[in-house]
């Protein structure tokens, strides 16, 4: 097990490890409360790369490494900008627009009818 002291060296080694064996490689992140340390470990059972850090600044770097690893394991060529997927809404056809307008008009009419019914007689 090798503990890297520099983030750049660790990132290069971890990326290379995932690039060489994306099917077998995995990584873990552990937080030791006693020492206030964050331990990152990347391994493929034959090679293990580790880094310890106590700096809060490394969280953005960890997120960047996570995106690179996701990109490598998913075999995508474009960069992953966010971890959460974003799906565009499909455009409605004319028939769907007419149906939704009719439904909204019907809902408004029903709402007006229920308001009239609820007024009823006043109780003393």
C-alpha atoms as a PDB file:
ATOM      1  CA  UNK A   1       0.000   0.000   0.000  1.00  0.00           C
ATOM      2  CA  UNK A   2       1.287   3.361  -1.032  1.00  0.00           C
ATOM      3  CA  UNK A   3       0.204   6.602   0.634  1.00  0.00           C
ATOM      4  CA  UNK A   4       0.640   9.588  -1.636  1.00  0.00           C
ATOM      5  CA  UNK A   5       1.434  12.969  -0.143  1.00  0.00           C
ATOM      6  CA  UNK A   6       0.578  15.015  -3.239  1.00  0.00           C
ATOM      7  CA  UNK A   7      -2.954  15.200  -4.620  1.00  0.00           C
ATOM      8  CA  UNK A   8      -1.785  15.475  -8.233  1.00  0.00           C
ATOM      9  CA  UNK A   9       0.258  12.278  -8.012  1.00  0.00           C
ATOM     10  CA  UNK A  10      -2.607  10.429  -6.317  1.00  0.00           C
ATOM     11  CA  UNK A  11      -5.103  11.596  -8.917  1.00  0.00           C
ATOM     12  CA  UNK A  12      -2.867  10.478 -11.797  1.00  0.00           C
ATOM     13  CA  UNK A  13      -2.255   7.085 -10.193  1.00  0.00           C
ATOM     14  CA  UNK A  14      -5.953   6.548  -9.396  1.00  0.00           C
ATOM     15  CA  UNK A  15      -7.054   7.557 -12.894  1.00  0.00           C
ATOM     16  CA  UNK A  16      -4.441   5.288 -14.452  1.00  0.00           C
ATOM     17  CA  UNK A  17      -5.562   2.398 -12.253  1.00  0.00           C
ATOM     18  CA  UNK A  18      -9.187   2.852 -13.294  1.00  0.00           C
ATOM     19  CA  UNK A  19      -8.221   3.268 -16.944  1.00  0.00           C
ATOM     20  CA  UNK A  20      -6.257   0.017 -16.932  1.00  0.00           C
ATOM     21  CA  UNK A  21      -8.826  -2.132 -15.096  1.00  0.00           C
ATOM     22  CA  UNK A  22     -12.190  -0.382 -15.014  1.00  0.00           C
ATOM     23  CA  UNK A  23     -14.065  -3.668 -14.455  1.00  0.00           C
ATOM     24  CA  UNK A  24     -12.078  -4.708 -11.391  1.00  0.00           C
ATOM     25  CA  UNK A  25     -11.095  -1.386  -9.858  1.00  0.00           C
ATOM     26  CA  UNK A  26     -13.031   0.246  -7.025  1.00  0.00           C
ATOM     27  CA  UNK A  27     -12.522   3.053  -4.584  1.00  0.00           C
ATOM     28  CA  UNK A  28     -13.569   3.823  -1.052  1.00  0.00           C
ATOM     29  CA  UNK A  29     -13.708   6.951   1.029  1.00  0.00           C
ATOM     30  CA  UNK A  30     -13.415   6.662   4.806  1.00  0.00           C
ATOM     31  CA  UNK A  31     -13.518   9.305   7.490  1.00  0.00           C
ATOM     32  CA  UNK A  32     -11.671   8.682  10.747  1.00  0.00           C
ATOM     33  CA  UNK A  33     -13.274  10.840  13.410  1.00  0.00           C
ATOM     34  CA  UNK A  34     -10.504  10.165  15.914  1.00  0.00           C
ATOM     35  CA  UNK A  35      -7.808  11.604  13.649  1.00  0.00           C
ATOM     36  CA  UNK A  36     -10.070  13.927  11.629  1.00  0.00           C
ATOM     37  CA  UNK A  37      -8.694  12.384   8.465  1.00  0.00           C
ATOM     38  CA  UNK A  38     -10.252  11.447   5.177  1.00  0.00           C
ATOM     39  CA  UNK A  39      -8.737   8.311   3.623  1.00  0.00           C
ATOM     40  CA  UNK A  40      -9.205   7.573  -0.086  1.00  0.00           C
ATOM     41  CA  UNK A  41      -8.308   4.144  -1.388  1.00  0.00           C
ATOM     42  CA  UNK A  42      -8.302   2.960  -5.006  1.00  0.00           C
ATOM     43  CA  UNK A  43      -7.593  -0.706  -5.638  1.00  0.00           C
ATOM     44  CA  UNK A  44      -7.954  -3.487  -8.192  1.00  0.00           C
ATOM     45  CA  UNK A  45      -6.857  -6.259  -5.757  1.00  0.00           C
ATOM     46  CA  UNK A  46      -3.349  -6.313  -7.241  1.00  0.00           C
ATOM     47  CA  UNK A  47      -2.452  -2.653  -6.825  1.00  0.00           C
ATOM     48  CA  UNK A  48      -3.574  -0.299  -4.099  1.00  0.00           C
ATOM     49  CA  UNK A  49      -3.235   3.484  -4.042  1.00  0.00           C
ATOM     50  CA  UNK A  50      -4.121   5.506  -0.931  1.00  0.00           C
ATOM     51  CA  UNK A  51      -4.124   9.068   0.300  1.00  0.00           C
ATOM     52  CA  UNK A  52      -4.840  10.678   3.654  1.00  0.00           C
ATOM     53  CA  UNK A  53      -5.926  14.260   4.002  1.00  0.00           C
ATOM     54  CA  UNK A  54      -7.132  16.607   6.705  1.00  0.00           C
ATOM     55  CA  UNK A  55      -7.781  19.570   4.411  1.00  0.00           C
ATOM     56  CA  UNK A  56     -11.290  20.732   3.623  1.00  0.00           C
ATOM     57  CA  UNK A  57     -10.093  22.067   0.270  1.00  0.00           C
ATOM     58  CA  UNK A  58      -9.690  18.532  -1.017  1.00  0.00           C
ATOM     59  CA  UNK A  59     -13.461  17.949  -1.131  1.00  0.00           C
ATOM     60  CA  UNK A  60     -13.740  19.695  -4.510  1.00  0.00           C
ATOM     61  CA  UNK A  61     -10.818  17.662  -5.750  1.00  0.00           C
ATOM     62  CA  UNK A  62     -12.492  14.463  -4.535  1.00  0.00           C
ATOM     63  CA  UNK A  63     -15.656  15.425  -6.447  1.00  0.00           C
ATOM     64  CA  UNK A  64     -13.571  16.027  -9.556  1.00  0.00           C
ATOM     65  CA  UNK A  65     -11.900  12.630  -9.176  1.00  0.00           C
ATOM     66  CA  UNK A  66     -15.319  11.042  -8.690  1.00  0.00           C
ATOM     67  CA  UNK A  67     -16.536  12.547 -11.979  1.00  0.00           C
ATOM     68  CA  UNK A  68     -13.435  11.257 -13.785  1.00  0.00           C
ATOM     69  CA  UNK A  69     -13.946   7.774 -12.359  1.00  0.00           C
ATOM     70  CA  UNK A  70     -17.610   7.794 -13.352  1.00  0.00           C
ATOM     71  CA  UNK A  71     -16.625   8.865 -16.841  1.00  0.00           C
ATOM     72  CA  UNK A  72     -14.048   6.084 -17.078  1.00  0.00           C
ATOM     73  CA  UNK A  73     -16.321   3.341 -15.792  1.00  0.00           C
ATOM     74  CA  UNK A  74     -19.298   4.353 -17.908  1.00  0.00           C
ATOM     75  CA  UNK A  75     -17.118   4.431 -21.060  1.00  0.00           C
ATOM     76  CA  UNK A  76     -18.371   7.856 -22.107  1.00  0.00           C
ATOM     77  CA  UNK A  77     -16.254  10.207 -24.145  1.00  0.00           C
ATOM     78  CA  UNK A  78     -17.971  13.451 -23.156  1.00  0.00           C
ATOM     79  CA  UNK A  79     -17.314  14.897 -19.731  1.00  0.00           C
ATOM     80  CA  UNK A  80     -19.822  14.459 -16.958  1.00  0.00           C
ATOM     81  CA  UNK A  81     -20.690  17.909 -15.666  1.00  0.00           C
ATOM     82  CA  UNK A  82     -22.987  16.907 -12.847  1.00  0.00           C
ATOM     83  CA  UNK A  83     -23.545  13.742 -10.930  1.00  0.00           C
ATOM     84  CA  UNK A  84     -27.327  13.989 -11.117  1.00  0.00           C
ATOM     85  CA  UNK A  85     -28.795  13.230 -14.542  1.00  0.00           C
ATOM     86  CA  UNK A  86     -30.763  15.941 -16.308  1.00  0.00           C
ATOM     87  CA  UNK A  87     -33.440  14.885 -18.735  1.00  0.00           C
ATOM     88  CA  UNK A  88     -34.964  17.354 -21.189  1.00  0.00           C
ATOM     89  CA  UNK A  89     -38.743  17.539 -21.287  1.00  0.00           C
ATOM     90  CA  UNK A  90     -40.224  16.325 -24.558  1.00  0.00           C
ATOM     91  CA  UNK A  91     -42.284  18.894 -26.414  1.00  0.00           C
ATOM     92  CA  UNK A  92     -46.051  18.393 -26.374  1.00  0.00           C
ATOM     93  CA  UNK A  93     -47.926  17.743 -29.580  1.00  0.00           C
ATOM     94  CA  UNK A  94     -50.934  19.841 -30.571  1.00  0.00           C
ATOM     95  CA  UNK A  95     -53.301  17.100 -29.425  1.00  0.00           C
ATOM     96  CA  UNK A  96     -51.618  16.911 -25.998  1.00  0.00           C
ATOM     97  CA  UNK A  97     -51.753  20.705 -25.622  1.00  0.00           C
ATOM     98  CA  UNK A  98     -55.470  20.794 -26.457  1.00  0.00           C
ATOM     99  CA  UNK A  99     -56.168  17.967 -24.015  1.00  0.00           C
ATOM    100  CA  UNK A 100     -54.236  19.639 -21.175  1.00  0.00           C
ATOM    101  CA  UNK A 101     -56.031  22.969 -21.787  1.00  0.00           C
ATOM    102  CA  UNK A 102     -59.402  21.206 -21.728  1.00  0.00           C
ATOM    103  CA  UNK A 103     -58.519  19.416 -18.491  1.00  0.00           C
ATOM    104  CA  UNK A 104     -57.408  22.666 -16.842  1.00  0.00           C
ATOM    105  CA  UNK A 105     -60.652  24.418 -17.920  1.00  0.00           C
ATOM    106  CA  UNK A 106     -62.710  21.518 -16.555  1.00  0.00           C
ATOM    107  CA  UNK A 107     -60.774  21.618 -13.278  1.00  0.00           C
ATOM    108  CA  UNK A 108     -61.417  25.366 -12.946  1.00  0.00           C
ATOM    109  CA  UNK A 109     -65.145  24.855 -13.606  1.00  0.00           C
ATOM    110  CA  UNK A 110     -65.328  22.085 -10.986  1.00  0.00           C
ATOM    111  CA  UNK A 111     -63.471  24.278  -8.508  1.00  0.00           C
ATOM    112  CA  UNK A 112     -65.997  27.086  -8.994  1.00  0.00           C
ATOM    113  CA  UNK A 113     -68.904  24.676  -8.490  1.00  0.00           C
ATOM    114  CA  UNK A 114     -67.507  23.324  -5.232  1.00  0.00           C
ATOM    115  CA  UNK A 115     -67.023  26.849  -3.901  1.00  0.00           C
ATOM    116  CA  UNK A 116     -70.691  27.639  -4.535  1.00  0.00           C
ATOM    117  CA  UNK A 117     -71.846  24.467  -2.805  1.00  0.00           C
ATOM    118  CA  UNK A 118     -69.700  24.977   0.256  1.00  0.00           C
ATOM    119  CA  UNK A 119     -71.225  28.369   1.060  1.00  0.00           C
ATOM    120  CA  UNK A 120     -74.665  26.968   1.920  1.00  0.00           C
ATOM    121  CA  UNK A 121     -76.615  28.079   5.021  1.00  0.00           C
ATOM    122  CA  UNK A 122     -74.904  29.760   7.908  1.00  0.00           C
ATOM    123  CA  UNK A 123     -75.058  27.929  11.191  1.00  0.00           C
ATOM    124  CA  UNK A 124     -75.755  29.853  14.385  1.00  0.00           C
END
